[in-house]
Protein backbone atom coordinates (compact mmCIF):
# COMPACT_ATOMS: atom_id res chain seq x y z
CA MET A 1 -43.80 28.78 14.04
CA ALA A 2 -40.49 29.53 12.33
CA SER A 3 -38.61 29.00 15.60
CA ASP A 4 -40.37 25.70 16.27
CA ALA A 5 -39.73 24.53 12.69
CA GLU A 6 -36.00 25.16 13.07
CA ILE A 7 -35.88 23.31 16.39
CA PHE A 8 -37.80 20.33 14.98
CA SER A 9 -35.48 20.29 11.95
CA LEU A 10 -32.39 20.15 14.16
CA MET A 11 -33.97 17.38 16.24
CA ASP A 12 -34.76 15.42 13.09
CA GLU A 13 -31.14 15.73 11.91
CA ALA A 14 -29.86 14.60 15.32
CA VAL A 15 -32.15 11.57 15.32
CA MET A 16 -31.11 10.67 11.76
CA GLN A 17 -27.43 11.02 12.66
CA ALA A 18 -27.92 8.76 15.68
CA TYR A 19 -29.70 6.20 13.49
CA ASN A 20 -27.01 6.30 10.80
CA SER A 21 -24.22 6.03 13.37
CA LYS A 22 -25.09 2.33 13.86
CA ASP A 23 -24.94 1.53 10.13
CA PRO A 24 -21.40 0.89 8.81
CA ASN A 25 -22.52 2.02 5.34
CA LYS A 26 -23.74 5.41 6.61
CA ALA A 27 -21.73 6.16 9.74
CA THR A 28 -18.89 8.67 9.39
CA LYS A 29 -15.78 9.76 11.31
CA TYR A 30 -15.94 8.88 15.03
CA ASP A 31 -19.25 7.00 14.67
CA LEU A 32 -17.70 4.79 11.98
CA ASP A 33 -14.68 4.13 14.22
CA VAL A 34 -17.04 2.88 16.95
CA VAL A 35 -18.91 0.57 14.56
CA CYS A 36 -15.66 -0.83 13.16
CA SER A 37 -14.27 -1.48 16.64
CA LEU A 38 -17.02 -4.09 17.13
CA THR A 39 -15.26 -6.31 14.58
CA GLY A 40 -11.74 -5.42 15.72
CA THR A 41 -11.12 -3.07 12.81
CA GLN A 42 -9.22 0.14 13.48
CA ARG A 43 -8.78 3.13 11.21
CA SER A 44 -5.25 3.32 9.87
CA LYS A 45 -3.48 6.48 10.96
CA GLY A 46 -1.52 6.21 7.71
CA SER A 47 1.69 4.45 6.77
CA GLY A 48 5.19 5.58 5.99
CA SER A 49 6.70 4.97 2.58
CA SER A 50 8.75 1.79 2.32
CA VAL A 51 11.95 1.07 0.45
CA GLU A 52 14.50 -1.70 -0.06
CA LEU A 53 18.00 -0.74 1.07
CA VAL A 54 21.29 -2.38 0.19
CA LEU A 55 23.76 -2.03 3.07
CA THR A 56 27.48 -2.53 2.47
CA GLY A 57 30.27 -3.26 4.90
CA VAL A 58 32.41 -5.90 6.55
CA ASN A 59 31.36 -9.54 6.40
CA GLY A 60 29.46 -10.58 9.56
CA THR A 61 28.53 -7.05 10.64
CA SER A 62 25.19 -6.99 12.48
CA VAL A 63 23.05 -3.95 11.69
CA PRO A 64 20.43 -3.40 14.43
CA GLU A 65 16.73 -3.00 13.76
CA GLY A 66 15.76 0.68 13.68
CA THR A 67 19.06 1.89 12.20
CA ARG A 68 18.40 5.38 10.79
CA ILE A 69 19.45 6.42 7.30
CA ASP A 70 18.59 9.79 5.71
CA SER A 71 17.91 10.87 2.16
CA SER A 72 20.75 12.94 0.72
CA THR A 73 18.34 15.05 -1.34
CA THR A 74 15.18 15.62 0.72
CA GLY A 75 16.42 14.93 4.25
CA SER A 76 13.68 12.35 4.88
CA ARG A 77 14.59 9.78 7.54
CA TRP A 78 14.23 6.00 7.16
CA THR A 79 14.66 3.18 9.70
CA THR A 80 15.41 -0.48 9.02
CA ASP A 81 12.51 -2.83 9.81
CA GLN A 82 14.59 -5.68 11.21
CA ARG A 83 18.09 -6.72 12.21
CA ALA A 84 20.33 -7.61 9.27
CA VAL A 85 23.71 -9.33 9.00
CA ILE A 86 26.08 -8.47 6.16
CA VAL A 87 27.12 -11.60 4.23
CA GLY A 88 30.16 -11.04 2.06
CA THR A 89 29.96 -7.31 1.49
CA THR A 90 26.22 -6.54 1.29
CA VAL A 91 22.81 -7.28 2.76
CA THR A 92 19.32 -6.23 1.63
CA VAL A 93 16.83 -4.96 4.19
CA GLN A 94 13.44 -3.26 4.19
CA ALA A 95 13.17 0.24 5.64
CA THR A 96 10.26 2.56 6.45
CA CYS A 97 10.05 6.33 6.48
CA THR A 98 9.60 7.84 9.94
CA VAL A 99 7.00 10.30 8.62
CA VAL A 100 3.51 9.03 7.83
CA GLY A 101 2.32 9.76 4.30
CA PRO A 102 3.49 9.61 0.67
CA THR A 103 7.20 10.47 1.05
CA GLN A 104 9.15 10.25 -2.22
CA ALA A 105 12.64 8.76 -2.55
CA ASP A 106 14.28 8.40 -5.96
CA ILE A 107 16.87 5.76 -6.80
CA GLY A 108 20.20 6.13 -4.98
CA THR A 109 19.14 8.95 -2.64
CA ILE A 110 18.91 7.22 0.78
CA THR A 111 22.62 7.17 1.58
CA LYS A 112 23.37 9.18 4.76
CA ILE A 113 23.92 6.80 7.68
CA VAL A 114 22.77 8.46 10.93
CA ASP A 115 23.34 5.62 13.41
CA VAL A 116 26.96 4.57 12.99
CA THR A 117 27.60 0.84 13.34
CA GLY A 118 31.10 -0.63 13.32
CA GLY A 119 31.58 -2.45 10.00
CA LEU A 120 28.72 -0.66 8.20
CA THR A 121 30.25 1.50 5.47
CA GLY A 122 27.45 2.45 3.09
CA ALA A 123 23.77 2.34 2.14
CA THR A 124 21.68 3.01 -0.93
CA ASN A 125 18.27 2.26 -2.43
CA PRO A 126 18.50 0.53 -5.84
CA ALA A 127 14.81 1.24 -6.54
CA PRO A 128 12.47 4.14 -5.71
CA ALA A 129 10.38 4.02 -2.56
CA THR A 130 6.83 2.74 -2.57
CA ILE A 131 4.82 5.69 -1.30
CA GLY A 132 2.93 5.50 1.98
CA THR A 133 -0.62 6.52 2.71
CA SER A 134 -2.30 9.32 4.64
CA ARG A 135 -4.84 8.80 7.43
CA GLN A 136 -7.47 6.35 6.24
CA LEU A 137 -10.64 7.85 4.78
CA ASP A 138 -14.12 6.66 5.74
CA ASP A 139 -14.71 4.93 2.39
CA SER A 140 -11.49 2.95 2.60
CA LEU A 141 -12.21 2.02 6.23
CA ARG A 142 -15.57 0.54 5.22
CA VAL A 143 -13.86 -1.65 2.63
CA MET A 144 -11.26 -2.81 5.17
CA ARG A 145 -13.97 -3.54 7.75
CA ALA A 146 -15.74 -5.78 5.24
CA ALA A 147 -12.47 -7.66 4.68
CA ALA A 148 -11.78 -7.94 8.41
CA VAL A 149 -15.14 -9.40 9.40
CA GLY A 150 -13.71 -12.91 8.97
CA ARG A 151 -10.71 -12.19 11.21
CA PRO A 152 -11.96 -14.18 14.25
CA GLY A 153 -11.96 -17.42 12.20
CA SER A 154 -9.02 -19.74 11.63
CA ASN A 155 -7.58 -21.58 8.61
CA GLN A 156 -9.64 -19.42 6.23
CA VAL A 157 -8.66 -17.00 3.50
CA ASP A 158 -10.97 -14.35 5.00
CA SER A 159 -9.37 -14.69 8.44
CA LEU A 160 -5.91 -14.28 6.87
CA TYR A 161 -7.02 -11.09 5.13
CA GLY A 162 -8.49 -9.71 8.35
CA GLU A 163 -5.47 -10.53 10.51
CA ILE A 164 -2.90 -9.17 8.03
CA PHE A 165 -4.90 -6.00 7.36
CA SER A 166 -4.88 -5.37 11.11
CA VAL A 167 -1.08 -5.01 11.03
CA GLU A 168 0.02 -1.38 11.23
CA GLY A 169 1.41 -0.04 7.96
CA VAL A 170 -0.05 -2.74 5.68
CA ARG A 171 -1.46 -1.14 2.55
CA ARG A 172 -2.48 -4.07 0.33
CA VAL A 173 -2.91 -7.83 0.74
CA LYS A 174 -3.56 -10.71 -1.65
CA VAL A 175 -4.06 -14.33 -0.60
CA TYR A 176 -4.03 -16.94 -3.36
CA ALA A 177 -4.86 -20.57 -2.57
CA ASN A 178 -4.64 -23.69 -4.73
CA SER A 179 -7.02 -26.29 -3.29
CA THR A 180 -6.23 -28.87 -6.00
CA ASN A 181 -3.66 -31.66 -5.97
CA SER A 182 -2.03 -30.35 -9.14
CA ALA A 183 0.18 -27.42 -10.08
CA SER A 184 -1.38 -27.28 -13.54
CA VAL A 185 -3.12 -24.08 -14.58
CA SER A 186 -6.88 -24.46 -14.37
CA ASP A 187 -10.01 -22.56 -13.40
CA GLU A 188 -9.36 -23.52 -9.77
CA ASN A 189 -5.65 -22.73 -10.03
CA PRO A 190 -5.37 -19.88 -12.57
CA HIS A 191 -1.87 -18.82 -11.47
CA GLY A 192 -0.23 -22.24 -11.49
CA LEU A 193 0.52 -22.42 -7.75
CA PRO A 194 2.00 -25.66 -6.34
CA ALA A 195 -0.51 -28.28 -5.19
CA ARG A 196 -2.39 -27.46 -1.97
CA SER A 197 -0.36 -24.30 -1.45
CA THR A 198 -1.13 -20.80 -0.23
CA ALA A 199 0.61 -17.69 -1.59
CA ILE A 200 0.40 -14.52 0.51
CA ILE A 201 1.54 -11.19 -0.94
CA VAL A 202 1.71 -8.11 1.31
CA ASP A 203 2.58 -4.49 0.53
CA GLY A 204 3.75 -2.42 3.51
CA GLY A 205 4.05 -3.28 7.20
CA ALA A 206 6.91 -4.64 9.32
CA VAL A 207 8.10 -8.18 8.58
CA PRO A 208 7.89 -9.53 12.19
CA ASP A 209 4.31 -8.28 12.60
CA ILE A 210 3.15 -9.67 9.25
CA ALA A 211 4.81 -13.03 9.92
CA MET A 212 3.06 -13.27 13.30
CA ALA A 213 -0.31 -12.43 11.72
CA ILE A 214 0.17 -15.21 9.17
CA TYR A 215 1.33 -17.64 11.87
CA LEU A 216 -1.84 -17.05 13.88
CA LYS A 217 -4.21 -17.80 10.99
CA ILE A 218 -2.60 -19.98 8.33
CA MET A 219 -3.44 -23.67 8.07
CA PRO A 220 -0.51 -25.54 9.70
CA ALA A 221 0.02 -28.10 6.94
CA ALA A 222 -0.42 -25.79 3.97
CA PRO A 223 2.76 -25.31 1.86
CA GLN A 224 3.72 -21.63 1.78
CA TYR A 225 4.52 -20.49 -1.76
CA GLN A 226 6.46 -17.24 -2.34
CA ALA A 227 4.98 -15.91 -5.56
CA GLY A 228 6.57 -12.45 -5.42
CA THR A 229 9.76 -11.14 -3.80
CA PRO A 230 10.45 -13.75 -1.07
CA VAL A 231 10.35 -12.87 2.63
CA THR A 232 11.25 -15.51 5.25
CA TYR A 233 10.98 -15.03 9.01
CA GLU A 234 11.00 -17.37 12.01
CA VAL A 235 8.08 -16.80 14.39
CA GLN A 236 7.93 -17.84 18.03
CA SER A 237 4.52 -18.73 19.43
CA PRO A 238 3.28 -16.09 21.92
CA LYS A 239 1.61 -18.85 24.01
CA TYR A 240 4.15 -21.65 23.69
CA PRO A 241 7.67 -20.19 23.38
CA ALA A 242 9.20 -23.55 22.48
CA ASN A 243 7.06 -23.70 19.36
CA LYS A 244 8.69 -21.97 16.39
CA LYS A 245 7.77 -21.88 12.71
CA ILE A 246 9.31 -20.51 9.54
CA ILE A 247 6.84 -18.20 7.83
CA LYS A 248 7.22 -17.54 4.10
CA TYR A 249 5.35 -14.86 2.20
CA SER A 250 6.13 -12.27 -0.49
CA THR A 251 6.12 -8.61 -1.20
CA PRO A 252 4.80 -7.75 -4.67
CA SER A 253 7.17 -7.36 -7.57
CA TYR A 254 6.85 -3.66 -8.33
CA VAL A 255 6.26 -2.36 -11.85
CA ASP A 256 7.34 1.27 -12.13
CA MET A 257 4.85 3.33 -14.11
CA VAL A 258 6.26 6.02 -16.41
CA VAL A 259 3.80 8.67 -17.60
CA VAL A 260 4.72 11.14 -20.36
CA LEU A 261 2.03 13.76 -20.82
CA ALA A 262 1.57 16.84 -22.99
CA VAL A 263 -1.22 19.30 -22.16
CA LYS A 264 -2.41 22.07 -24.47
CA ASN A 265 -2.89 25.23 -22.43
CA ASP A 266 -5.63 27.62 -23.53
CA GLY A 267 -4.11 30.30 -21.30
CA THR A 268 -6.15 29.61 -18.18
CA LEU A 269 -3.91 27.06 -16.44
CA PRO A 270 -1.93 28.26 -13.39
CA GLU A 271 1.88 28.18 -13.42
CA ASP A 272 2.02 25.12 -11.18
CA ALA A 273 -0.46 23.09 -13.26
CA ASP A 274 2.18 20.42 -13.89
CA ILE A 275 2.69 19.92 -10.14
CA MET A 276 -1.07 19.82 -9.57
CA ILE A 277 -1.45 17.09 -12.20
CA LYS A 278 1.36 15.02 -10.66
CA GLU A 279 -0.26 15.29 -7.23
CA ALA A 280 -3.63 14.31 -8.71
CA PHE A 281 -2.04 11.18 -10.20
CA LEU A 282 -0.69 10.10 -6.81
CA GLU A 283 -4.02 10.79 -5.09
CA PHE A 284 -5.85 8.81 -7.77
CA VAL A 285 -3.66 5.70 -7.57
CA SER A 286 -3.94 5.82 -3.77
CA GLY A 287 -7.74 5.95 -3.92
CA GLU A 288 -8.04 9.47 -2.49
CA LEU A 289 -9.05 11.51 -5.55
CA VAL A 290 -12.54 10.31 -6.45
CA PRO A 291 -15.33 10.20 -3.80
CA ALA A 292 -16.75 6.76 -3.03
CA GLY A 293 -20.23 7.93 -4.04
CA VAL A 294 -19.01 7.92 -7.62
CA GLY A 295 -18.03 4.27 -7.17
CA PHE A 296 -14.76 4.51 -9.06
CA LYS A 297 -11.28 3.48 -7.90
CA ILE A 298 -11.90 4.14 -4.21
CA LYS A 299 -9.03 1.79 -3.28
CA GLY A 300 -6.57 2.81 -5.96
CA PHE A 301 -4.67 0.04 -7.75
CA ASP A 302 -4.39 -3.28 -5.96
CA ILE A 303 -1.90 -6.15 -6.23
CA GLY A 304 -2.42 -7.93 -9.53
CA GLU A 305 -4.53 -5.12 -11.00
CA SER A 306 -3.61 -3.93 -14.49
CA VAL A 307 -3.53 -0.23 -15.36
CA PRO A 308 -6.12 0.75 -18.01
CA TYR A 309 -4.91 3.48 -20.37
CA SER A 310 -8.25 5.32 -20.57
CA THR A 311 -8.60 5.38 -16.77
CA MET A 312 -5.49 7.50 -16.39
CA PHE A 313 -7.18 10.52 -17.97
CA THR A 314 -9.27 10.86 -14.79
CA PRO A 315 -6.69 12.64 -12.57
CA ILE A 316 -5.67 14.89 -15.48
CA ASN A 317 -9.21 15.97 -16.26
CA LYS A 318 -9.88 16.47 -12.55
CA VAL A 319 -7.35 19.31 -12.69
CA LEU A 320 -8.06 20.62 -16.21
CA GLY A 321 -11.81 20.67 -15.56
CA GLU A 322 -11.35 23.56 -13.14
CA TYR A 323 -9.78 25.82 -15.78
CA GLY A 324 -11.03 26.87 -19.21
CA ASN A 325 -10.74 24.51 -22.17
CA SER A 326 -7.23 23.08 -21.89
CA PHE A 327 -6.91 19.47 -23.05
CA VAL A 328 -4.56 16.49 -23.28
CA GLN A 329 -2.52 16.47 -26.49
CA SER A 330 -0.79 13.14 -25.89
CA MET A 331 -0.09 10.61 -23.14
CA THR A 332 1.88 7.39 -22.93
CA LEU A 333 2.07 4.76 -20.20
CA ASN A 334 5.44 3.01 -20.13
CA GLY A 335 6.13 4.18 -23.66
CA ALA A 336 2.82 3.24 -25.31
CA GLU A 337 -0.73 4.51 -25.70
CA SER A 338 -2.18 1.32 -24.27
CA SER A 339 -3.00 -0.37 -20.99
CA VAL A 340 -0.20 -1.87 -18.90
CA PRO A 341 -0.76 -5.50 -17.84
CA ILE A 342 0.13 -6.34 -14.24
CA ALA A 343 0.68 -9.99 -13.22
CA PHE A 344 -1.03 -11.53 -10.18
CA ASN A 345 2.13 -11.09 -8.08
CA GLN A 346 2.94 -7.54 -9.20
CA LEU A 347 1.91 -4.05 -8.10
CA SER A 348 2.14 -0.83 -10.08
CA ARG A 349 4.43 1.73 -8.41
CA TRP A 350 3.96 5.46 -8.94
CA THR A 351 6.41 8.29 -8.20
CA THR A 352 6.42 11.95 -9.21
CA ALA A 353 9.88 11.48 -10.72
CA ASN A 354 8.32 9.13 -13.29
CA ILE A 355 5.50 11.49 -14.24
CA GLN A 356 6.59 13.96 -16.91
CA VAL A 357 4.11 16.77 -17.60
CA THR A 358 4.73 19.27 -20.39
CA ILE A 359 2.42 22.31 -20.73
CA VAL A 360 2.43 23.57 -24.33
């Protein structure tokens, strides 16, 4: 009887797993990948960190796409996302880390030119890198699948979301549309966009791929408004090569978050507690710290999402809760004990260099 009971139990679990494998809300791992493939959604293998580089050199110098530049402090390698031409003495170009995941790069550290180009004399990053993401978790994949269901459509906000999210390396997307004939702020146009315009803001991904995704789905006559940091790229139709169009979108304007934290140690915290807390912060803002079953910040912070002060105790307590009775003595976000407002075209940016943890 005991043997039969165990066999029947295993059979019941197998049947339940097979049943759940067809439900996108219950399927996991490979089964979830199969369900998502039905709507053209693929699990992200992760994305490399991205950064804005300022290249210096001789006027007219053409810097090829994929030019490699290393960090002088960590040795991380970065490649330019597109061809750039130096005008005057400088040109600004986006670059992506060759390693998938949250690679850090502080200001002024990406300076070692690997691929020498005649006329290119220097490189640097005037701002810290925006950290990449690890392989996509099941919970995040479910959210992306829901957004991508409208991808097969055309001239719709949902289809734009789905097509842009399908681009490799894209981490966040916002599409704002003003359907009125006025640029005045109203309930239908809360951000004061120009009349009948569409504003697309994308974090991560290569410019040519994003521009093509927008080209395939955006309404042809809709004015393209660049609400954040402007990006302009000419796209050639894959079906009709003679047809070309200038695509305009934006990357978010990044707001660097500075956390200053003091923790009272009751004697139970490990020596690397400060490092553990910093890592917990980065996991939390990326949506990887709290399980989806809890229903709390499973996507991290999105474009246009403000940072609540009280919410930021979560990653700290996640670490402290495993040891004794240590507690937070004080914490400030960008110099104040209050929430940090983020505008509709901005995105909070988090780096370990801007998280100061003092154990007292």
